[in-house]
Amino acid sequence: MDTERFITIRRQLHQIPEPGFQEYKTQQFILDFIKGLPKERLEVQTWKTGVLVKVPGLNPRKTIGYRTDMDGLPISEETSYDFTSVHNGYMHACGHDLHMTIALGLLDHFVHHPVDDHLLFIFQPAEEGPGGALPLLLSEEFQAVKPDMMLALHIAPEYPVGTVAVKEGLLFANTSELFIDLKGKGGHAAYPHLANDMVVAASHLVTQLQSVVSRNIDPLDSAVITVGKITGGTKQNIIAETARLEGTIRTLSSASMIKVKSRIEAIIKGIEASFECEAAIDYGSNYYQVYNHEELTKEFISFLESSKPADFYRCREAMTGEDFGYFLKEIPGFMFWLGVDCEYGLHHSCIEPKEEAIPVALRTLSSYIEWKATSQ
């Protein structure tokens, strides 16, 4: 496999990060790549800004699906690259450029080296939001080619290049966005008794939200509430009439997600009463947990340990969110971590995943899919 070619492709994709369901350049890049492959070996279908590519098998008994995400993040890039994003304020800060490159490499390989089973390559938009997996899963286009099993990977800055990390069962958490709007009464800073200050209300709310996990969730379970952004007011000498909190909720069980939301709603009612204001809550995008199929994951681990295409680590579950969980809820499969050895984490403006991980992923997945598609 031409490693340098796919490193070049990764760098080209890195330069064009786009928001969810607006991946127009990215979709065209993928379609242009596909045009260079033998047409008689491909069945191509678009869905919104995504792409579905089927490689028919030689003696098919099942269809193996491989999914990659496509979108970028609203982050201003601060890497040392000479191939930085050309889209101001957007960056591939979660590895989707590598993910797509690996999928294209696998597609190229299996078009020229067909296997017995059908293969379906799924280029899915909007993983970072508002969530492309569920509507794609429910679409007529996907249902017409629905695979019997699904695979995916995600880069992991904390693991060294050359490693793959996975576990059976729960891998990623249930997640929900959190948006809370407060509306009170503005006024002059010198007359606070004539106003209802939403900056003060928001400050109390943030503090109270931190009690939910510590006092309402089983200590043996896990949950996170993070408020990442607060906006309120217009000027230093004007009491704020409105405030907005934006955050995220993560839980390792669906029951805990229900409990967390119930407590948040109760706290907000208390804020309304305490500060004589109005509050509105919006949970935005909700992602289902990534739960790896026990049997298929154990089989993959056995393959890694026997064939050794990469070093295997058994990882723990993480509070990361991924809408690939919707696919796994309906279709057996698994997701795994790919080590990319970077000091900066996911969603950081300085993240620089090692490109040497690309051939590791291609070697691991091509050998596993060949084995799974011919011997199973």
Protein backbone atom coordinates (compact mmCIF):
# COMPACT_ATOMS: atom_id res chain seq x y z
CA MET A 1 0.00 0.00 0.00
CA ASP A 2 1.28 3.46 -0.94
CA THR A 3 1.63 5.02 2.53
CA GLU A 4 2.84 8.38 1.23
CA ARG A 5 -0.22 8.72 -0.99
CA PHE A 6 -2.56 8.36 1.95
CA ILE A 7 -0.57 10.70 4.15
CA THR A 8 -0.99 13.28 1.37
CA ILE A 9 -4.74 12.56 1.31
CA ARG A 10 -4.92 13.06 5.07
CA ARG A 11 -3.24 16.44 4.76
CA GLN A 12 -5.61 17.50 2.00
CA LEU A 13 -8.62 16.50 4.10
CA HIS A 14 -7.15 18.26 7.12
CA GLN A 15 -7.31 21.55 5.25
CA ILE A 16 -11.06 21.44 4.56
CA PRO A 17 -12.89 20.82 7.88
CA GLU A 18 -16.60 21.59 7.62
CA PRO A 19 -19.61 21.68 9.99
CA GLY A 20 -22.02 18.79 10.26
CA PHE A 21 -24.28 18.38 7.20
CA GLN A 22 -22.22 21.04 5.42
CA GLU A 23 -19.37 18.75 4.36
CA TYR A 24 -19.74 19.69 0.69
CA LYS A 25 -16.03 19.91 -0.19
CA THR A 26 -15.33 16.78 1.84
CA GLN A 27 -18.06 14.82 0.07
CA GLN A 28 -16.76 15.96 -3.31
CA PHE A 29 -13.21 14.96 -2.34
CA ILE A 30 -14.43 11.46 -1.49
CA LEU A 31 -16.46 11.18 -4.69
CA ASP A 32 -13.47 12.36 -6.75
CA PHE A 33 -11.32 9.67 -5.10
CA ILE A 34 -13.93 7.04 -5.92
CA LYS A 35 -13.98 8.14 -9.58
CA GLY A 36 -10.39 6.93 -9.83
CA LEU A 37 -11.37 3.38 -8.82
CA PRO A 38 -12.72 0.61 -11.09
CA LYS A 39 -16.42 1.46 -11.54
CA GLU A 40 -17.43 -2.14 -12.20
CA ARG A 41 -16.42 -3.04 -8.63
CA LEU A 42 -18.40 -0.32 -6.89
CA GLU A 43 -21.96 0.71 -6.04
CA VAL A 44 -22.05 4.35 -4.88
CA GLN A 45 -24.93 6.17 -3.18
CA THR A 46 -24.98 9.61 -1.56
CA TRP A 47 -27.07 10.57 1.47
CA LYS A 48 -27.18 14.26 2.40
CA THR A 49 -23.43 15.10 2.57
CA GLY A 50 -22.47 11.49 3.26
CA VAL A 51 -21.46 8.68 0.92
CA LEU A 52 -22.23 4.93 0.95
CA VAL A 53 -19.92 2.71 -1.11
CA LYS A 54 -20.56 -0.99 -1.57
CA VAL A 55 -17.86 -3.34 -2.81
CA PRO A 56 -19.68 -6.52 -3.93
CA GLY A 57 -18.21 -9.79 -2.67
CA LEU A 58 -17.07 -12.70 -4.79
CA ASN A 59 -19.11 -15.29 -2.88
CA PRO A 60 -21.14 -13.27 -0.39
CA ARG A 61 -22.75 -14.62 2.77
CA LYS A 62 -22.90 -11.35 4.68
CA THR A 63 -22.09 -7.63 4.48
CA ILE A 64 -19.38 -6.07 6.64
CA GLY A 65 -19.78 -2.35 7.24
CA TYR A 66 -16.97 0.08 7.99
CA ARG A 67 -17.91 3.58 9.15
CA THR A 68 -15.96 6.82 9.24
CA ASP A 69 -17.08 10.28 10.36
CA MET A 70 -16.48 13.37 8.19
CA ASP A 71 -17.10 16.69 9.96
CA GLY A 72 -14.78 19.18 11.64
CA LEU A 73 -15.07 21.28 14.79
CA PRO A 74 -15.53 25.05 15.36
CA ILE A 75 -11.97 25.46 16.68
CA SER A 76 -9.29 27.86 15.43
CA GLU A 77 -6.24 25.76 14.60
CA GLU A 78 -2.98 26.34 16.48
CA THR A 79 -0.84 23.48 15.19
CA SER A 80 2.67 23.70 13.71
CA TYR A 81 1.51 22.19 10.40
CA ASP A 82 2.20 23.79 7.04
CA PHE A 83 -1.13 22.32 5.85
CA THR A 84 -3.46 24.02 8.33
CA SER A 85 -7.18 24.51 7.83
CA VAL A 86 -8.19 26.91 5.06
CA HIS A 87 -11.61 27.32 6.70
CA ASN A 88 -11.28 30.05 9.31
CA GLY A 89 -12.47 28.97 12.74
CA TYR A 90 -12.79 25.29 11.81
CA MET A 91 -10.38 22.43 12.40
CA HIS A 92 -10.15 18.66 12.24
CA ALA A 93 -9.40 18.43 15.95
CA CYS A 94 -10.91 14.98 16.55
CA GLY A 95 -9.12 12.90 13.95
CA HIS A 96 -11.85 12.69 11.34
CA ASP A 97 -9.28 13.50 8.66
CA LEU A 98 -7.34 10.38 9.67
CA HIS A 99 -10.54 8.37 9.98
CA MET A 100 -11.58 9.22 6.41
CA THR A 101 -8.09 8.57 5.06
CA ILE A 102 -8.08 5.10 6.61
CA ALA A 103 -11.51 4.36 5.14
CA LEU A 104 -10.35 5.48 1.67
CA GLY A 105 -7.24 3.33 2.02
CA LEU A 106 -9.34 0.29 2.89
CA LEU A 107 -11.75 1.01 0.04
CA ASP A 108 -8.85 1.25 -2.41
CA HIS A 109 -7.37 -2.00 -1.13
CA PHE A 110 -10.54 -4.07 -1.32
CA VAL A 111 -11.60 -2.79 -4.73
CA HIS A 112 -8.34 -4.20 -6.06
CA HIS A 113 -8.25 -7.23 -3.72
CA PRO A 114 -11.87 -8.40 -3.45
CA VAL A 115 -13.02 -10.77 -0.72
CA ASP A 116 -15.92 -13.21 -0.51
CA ASP A 117 -18.32 -11.00 1.46
CA HIS A 118 -19.88 -7.67 0.53
CA LEU A 119 -18.17 -4.64 2.08
CA LEU A 120 -19.95 -1.36 2.80
CA PHE A 121 -17.96 1.82 3.43
CA ILE A 122 -20.00 4.46 5.24
CA PHE A 123 -18.82 8.08 5.16
CA GLN A 124 -21.10 9.63 7.79
CA PRO A 125 -21.58 13.38 8.25
CA ALA A 126 -22.33 15.36 11.41
CA GLU A 127 -20.81 13.15 14.13
CA GLU A 128 -19.86 16.20 16.17
CA GLY A 129 -23.42 17.48 15.92
CA PRO A 130 -26.29 17.49 15.43
CA GLY A 131 -25.72 13.76 14.92
CA GLY A 132 -25.65 12.02 11.57
CA ALA A 133 -25.66 8.37 12.62
CA LEU A 134 -29.29 7.99 13.68
CA PRO A 135 -30.91 9.68 10.65
CA LEU A 136 -28.53 7.81 8.34
CA LEU A 137 -29.37 4.52 10.06
CA LEU A 138 -33.08 5.16 9.53
CA SER A 139 -32.73 6.32 5.92
CA GLU A 140 -33.99 4.30 2.94
CA GLU A 141 -30.52 4.51 1.39
CA PHE A 142 -28.86 2.82 4.36
CA GLN A 143 -31.62 0.28 4.95
CA ALA A 144 -31.27 -0.87 1.33
CA VAL A 145 -27.64 -1.90 1.97
CA LYS A 146 -27.75 -2.48 5.75
CA PRO A 147 -24.71 -4.53 6.83
CA ASP A 148 -24.71 -7.56 9.11
CA MET A 149 -21.89 -6.19 11.24
CA MET A 150 -20.21 -2.79 11.73
CA LEU A 151 -16.65 -1.66 12.49
CA ALA A 152 -15.16 1.74 13.33
CA LEU A 153 -12.13 3.25 15.01
CA HIS A 154 -11.28 6.46 16.80
CA ILE A 155 -7.84 7.99 17.25
CA ALA A 156 -6.45 8.04 20.81
CA PRO A 157 -3.73 10.64 21.58
CA GLU A 158 -2.86 8.89 24.86
CA TYR A 159 -1.79 5.61 23.24
CA PRO A 160 1.50 5.16 21.33
CA VAL A 161 1.59 4.63 17.58
CA GLY A 162 1.45 0.94 16.77
CA THR A 163 -1.22 0.15 19.34
CA VAL A 164 -4.90 -0.70 19.26
CA ALA A 165 -7.05 -0.52 22.40
CA VAL A 166 -10.48 -2.09 22.82
CA LYS A 167 -12.76 -3.83 25.28
CA GLU A 168 -15.97 -5.80 25.20
CA GLY A 169 -19.18 -4.09 26.32
CA LEU A 170 -19.42 -0.41 27.20
CA LEU A 171 -16.71 1.68 25.52
CA PHE A 172 -18.16 5.23 25.30
CA ALA A 173 -20.74 6.98 27.46
CA ASN A 174 -24.28 8.16 26.92
CA THR A 175 -24.07 11.87 26.14
CA SER A 176 -26.37 14.87 25.93
CA GLU A 177 -25.84 18.49 25.12
CA LEU A 178 -27.15 20.98 27.68
CA PHE A 179 -28.42 24.51 26.96
CA ILE A 180 -30.12 26.60 29.65
CA ASP A 181 -31.52 30.10 29.04
CA LEU A 182 -32.41 32.40 31.94
CA LYS A 183 -34.53 35.54 31.60
CA GLY A 184 -35.01 38.07 34.39
CA LYS A 185 -35.23 41.84 34.51
CA GLY A 186 -32.39 44.13 33.49
CA GLY A 187 -31.60 47.50 34.98
CA HIS A 188 -29.03 50.01 36.15
CA ALA A 189 -26.13 48.58 38.15
CA ALA A 190 -26.75 51.19 40.87
CA TYR A 191 -30.33 49.93 41.46
CA PRO A 192 -30.09 46.13 41.86
CA HIS A 193 -33.31 46.03 43.93
CA LEU A 194 -35.27 47.03 40.83
CA ALA A 195 -33.90 44.20 38.67
CA ASN A 196 -33.46 40.42 38.63
CA ASP A 197 -29.80 39.75 37.86
CA MET A 198 -29.30 36.71 35.59
CA VAL A 199 -25.53 36.68 36.01
CA VAL A 200 -26.07 36.02 39.73
CA ALA A 201 -28.76 33.43 38.91
CA ALA A 202 -26.47 31.69 36.42
CA SER A 203 -23.64 31.62 38.96
CA HIS A 204 -25.85 29.93 41.54
CA LEU A 205 -27.12 27.49 38.92
CA VAL A 206 -23.61 26.39 37.90
CA THR A 207 -22.71 25.73 41.54
CA GLN A 208 -25.88 23.75 42.17
CA LEU A 209 -25.41 21.65 39.03
CA GLN A 210 -22.14 20.38 40.45
CA SER A 211 -24.04 18.77 43.34
CA VAL A 212 -26.02 16.47 41.05
CA VAL A 213 -23.23 13.99 40.37
CA SER A 214 -21.80 14.08 43.89
CA ARG A 215 -25.13 13.74 45.69
CA ASN A 216 -27.61 12.07 43.31
CA ILE A 217 -25.61 9.47 41.37
CA ASP A 218 -24.44 6.16 42.81
CA PRO A 219 -20.72 6.55 43.64
CA LEU A 220 -20.10 3.21 41.89
CA ASP A 221 -21.62 4.61 38.71
CA SER A 222 -20.13 7.54 36.77
CA ALA A 223 -21.51 10.80 35.42
CA VAL A 224 -20.23 14.21 34.40
CA ILE A 225 -21.92 17.60 34.07
CA THR A 226 -19.71 20.24 32.47
CA VAL A 227 -20.73 23.82 31.76
CA GLY A 228 -18.27 24.93 29.12
CA LYS A 229 -19.69 28.33 28.25
CA ILE A 230 -21.65 31.10 30.02
CA THR A 231 -22.87 34.29 28.36
CA GLY A 232 -24.84 37.09 29.96
CA GLY A 233 -25.24 40.83 30.05
CA THR A 234 -24.22 43.62 27.72
CA LYS A 235 -22.09 46.10 29.73
CA GLN A 236 -20.32 46.30 33.06
CA ASN A 237 -22.79 48.79 34.57
CA ILE A 238 -26.00 47.13 33.34
CA ILE A 239 -27.63 44.32 35.30
CA ALA A 240 -27.99 41.34 33.00
CA GLU A 241 -31.52 40.55 31.89
CA THR A 242 -30.53 37.25 30.26
CA ALA A 243 -27.89 34.56 30.63
CA ARG A 244 -27.16 31.33 28.78
CA LEU A 245 -25.31 28.24 29.94
CA GLU A 246 -23.97 25.69 27.45
CA GLY A 247 -22.60 22.35 28.54
CA THR A 248 -22.66 18.59 28.28
CA ILE A 249 -23.84 15.59 30.28
CA ARG A 250 -22.06 12.20 30.24
CA THR A 251 -23.19 9.02 31.99
CA LEU A 252 -22.17 5.36 31.87
CA SER A 253 -25.77 4.15 32.15
CA SER A 254 -29.01 5.25 30.54
CA ALA A 255 -30.71 5.19 33.97
CA SER A 256 -28.19 7.72 35.28
CA MET A 257 -28.84 9.99 32.28
CA ILE A 258 -32.55 10.03 33.16
CA LYS A 259 -31.72 10.76 36.80
CA VAL A 260 -29.30 13.58 35.95
CA LYS A 261 -31.80 15.30 33.67
CA SER A 262 -34.55 14.97 36.28
CA ARG A 263 -32.36 16.62 38.93
CA ILE A 264 -31.28 19.42 36.54
CA GLU A 265 -34.92 20.20 35.81
CA ALA A 266 -35.75 20.29 39.54
CA ILE A 267 -32.84 22.63 40.24
CA ILE A 268 -33.91 24.96 37.43
CA LYS A 269 -37.41 25.21 38.95
CA GLY A 270 -35.74 26.27 42.18
CA ILE A 271 -33.70 28.91 40.36
CA GLU A 272 -36.88 30.28 38.79
CA ALA A 273 -38.49 30.60 42.21
CA SER A 274 -35.39 31.97 43.95
CA PHE A 275 -34.56 34.63 41.37
CA GLU A 276 -38.05 35.35 40.04
CA CYS A 277 -36.98 34.52 36.50
CA GLU A 278 -37.93 32.28 33.61
CA ALA A 279 -35.78 29.35 32.51
CA ALA A 280 -35.78 27.15 29.42
CA ILE A 281 -33.76 23.99 28.92
CA ASP A 282 -32.74 22.29 25.67
CA TYR A 283 -30.85 18.99 25.58
CA GLY A 284 -29.72 19.43 21.98
CA SER A 285 -28.10 16.31 20.51
CA ASN A 286 -28.24 13.10 22.54
CA TYR A 287 -25.93 10.20 21.73
CA TYR A 288 -26.48 6.59 22.72
CA GLN A 289 -23.65 4.71 24.41
CA VAL A 290 -21.11 2.80 22.33
CA TYR A 291 -21.53 -0.80 23.47
CA ASN A 292 -19.20 -3.27 21.78
CA HIS A 293 -20.69 -6.64 20.85
CA GLU A 294 -19.19 -9.18 23.25
CA GLU A 295 -18.57 -12.08 20.86
CA LEU A 296 -17.29 -10.03 17.91
CA THR A 297 -14.99 -7.96 20.13
CA LYS A 298 -13.53 -11.04 21.82
CA GLU A 299 -12.96 -12.51 18.36
CA PHE A 300 -11.20 -9.29 17.25
CA ILE A 301 -9.00 -9.36 20.35
CA SER A 302 -8.06 -12.99 19.65
CA PHE A 303 -7.20 -12.00 16.09
CA LEU A 304 -4.97 -9.17 17.33
CA GLU A 305 -3.21 -11.44 19.81
CA SER A 306 -2.60 -14.20 17.26
CA SER A 307 -1.85 -12.21 14.09
CA LYS A 308 -0.17 -9.23 15.82
CA PRO A 309 -0.84 -6.52 13.18
CA ALA A 310 -0.61 -4.06 16.11
CA ASP A 311 0.07 -4.10 19.84
CA PHE A 312 -3.12 -4.75 21.78
CA TYR A 313 -4.16 -2.88 24.94
CA ARG A 314 -7.27 -3.72 26.91
CA CYS A 315 -8.74 -0.32 27.74
CA ARG A 316 -11.36 0.95 30.16
CA GLU A 317 -14.64 2.63 29.25
CA ALA A 318 -14.43 6.38 28.62
CA MET A 319 -16.75 9.35 29.03
CA THR A 320 -16.26 10.16 25.34
CA GLY A 321 -19.42 10.48 23.25
CA GLU A 322 -19.83 8.98 19.76
CA ASP A 323 -22.96 8.57 17.67
CA PHE A 324 -21.60 5.28 16.31
CA GLY A 325 -23.48 3.86 19.30
CA TYR A 326 -26.73 4.15 17.34
CA PHE A 327 -25.39 1.74 14.73
CA LEU A 328 -24.24 -0.73 17.40
CA LYS A 329 -27.65 -0.59 19.05
CA GLU A 330 -29.11 -2.12 15.86
CA ILE A 331 -26.17 -3.94 14.27
CA PRO A 332 -23.53 -6.16 15.97
CA GLY A 333 -20.03 -4.72 15.84
CA PHE A 334 -17.41 -2.74 17.72
CA MET A 335 -15.29 0.40 17.81
CA PHE A 336 -11.66 0.54 18.91
CA TRP A 337 -9.02 3.13 19.76
CA LEU A 338 -6.04 3.72 17.45
CA GLY A 339 -2.93 5.11 19.15
CA VAL A 340 -1.62 8.36 17.62
CA ASP A 341 0.77 9.49 20.40
CA CYS A 342 0.09 13.20 20.93
CA GLU A 343 0.53 15.37 24.04
CA TYR A 344 -2.67 17.28 23.25
CA GLY A 345 -6.05 15.63 23.58
CA LEU A 346 -9.10 15.40 21.35
CA HIS A 347 -10.82 18.72 20.55
CA HIS A 348 -7.65 20.67 21.35
CA SER A 349 -6.49 23.36 18.94
CA CYS A 350 -2.91 22.02 19.04
CA ILE A 351 -3.57 18.32 18.47
CA GLU A 352 -1.14 16.74 15.97
CA PRO A 353 -1.80 12.99 15.70
CA LYS A 354 1.12 10.98 14.35
CA GLU A 355 0.53 10.06 10.71
CA GLU A 356 2.51 6.85 11.22
CA ALA A 357 -0.72 5.50 12.72
CA ILE A 358 -2.36 5.42 9.28
CA PRO A 359 -0.44 2.37 7.96
CA VAL A 360 -0.95 0.65 11.33
CA ALA A 361 -4.72 1.03 10.96
CA LEU A 362 -4.69 -0.03 7.32
CA ARG A 363 -2.61 -3.11 8.10
CA THR A 364 -4.78 -4.07 11.08
CA LEU A 365 -8.14 -3.57 9.42
CA SER A 366 -7.29 -4.96 6.00
CA SER A 367 -5.94 -8.18 7.54
CA TYR A 368 -8.88 -8.50 9.93
CA ILE A 369 -11.51 -7.85 7.24
CA GLU A 370 -9.80 -10.28 4.85
CA TRP A 371 -9.87 -12.93 7.59
CA LYS A 372 -13.45 -12.16 8.61
CA ALA A 373 -14.76 -11.95 5.04
CA THR A 374 -13.23 -15.21 3.83
CA SER A 375 -13.02 -17.62 6.79
CA GLN A 376 -16.09 -16.82 8.89
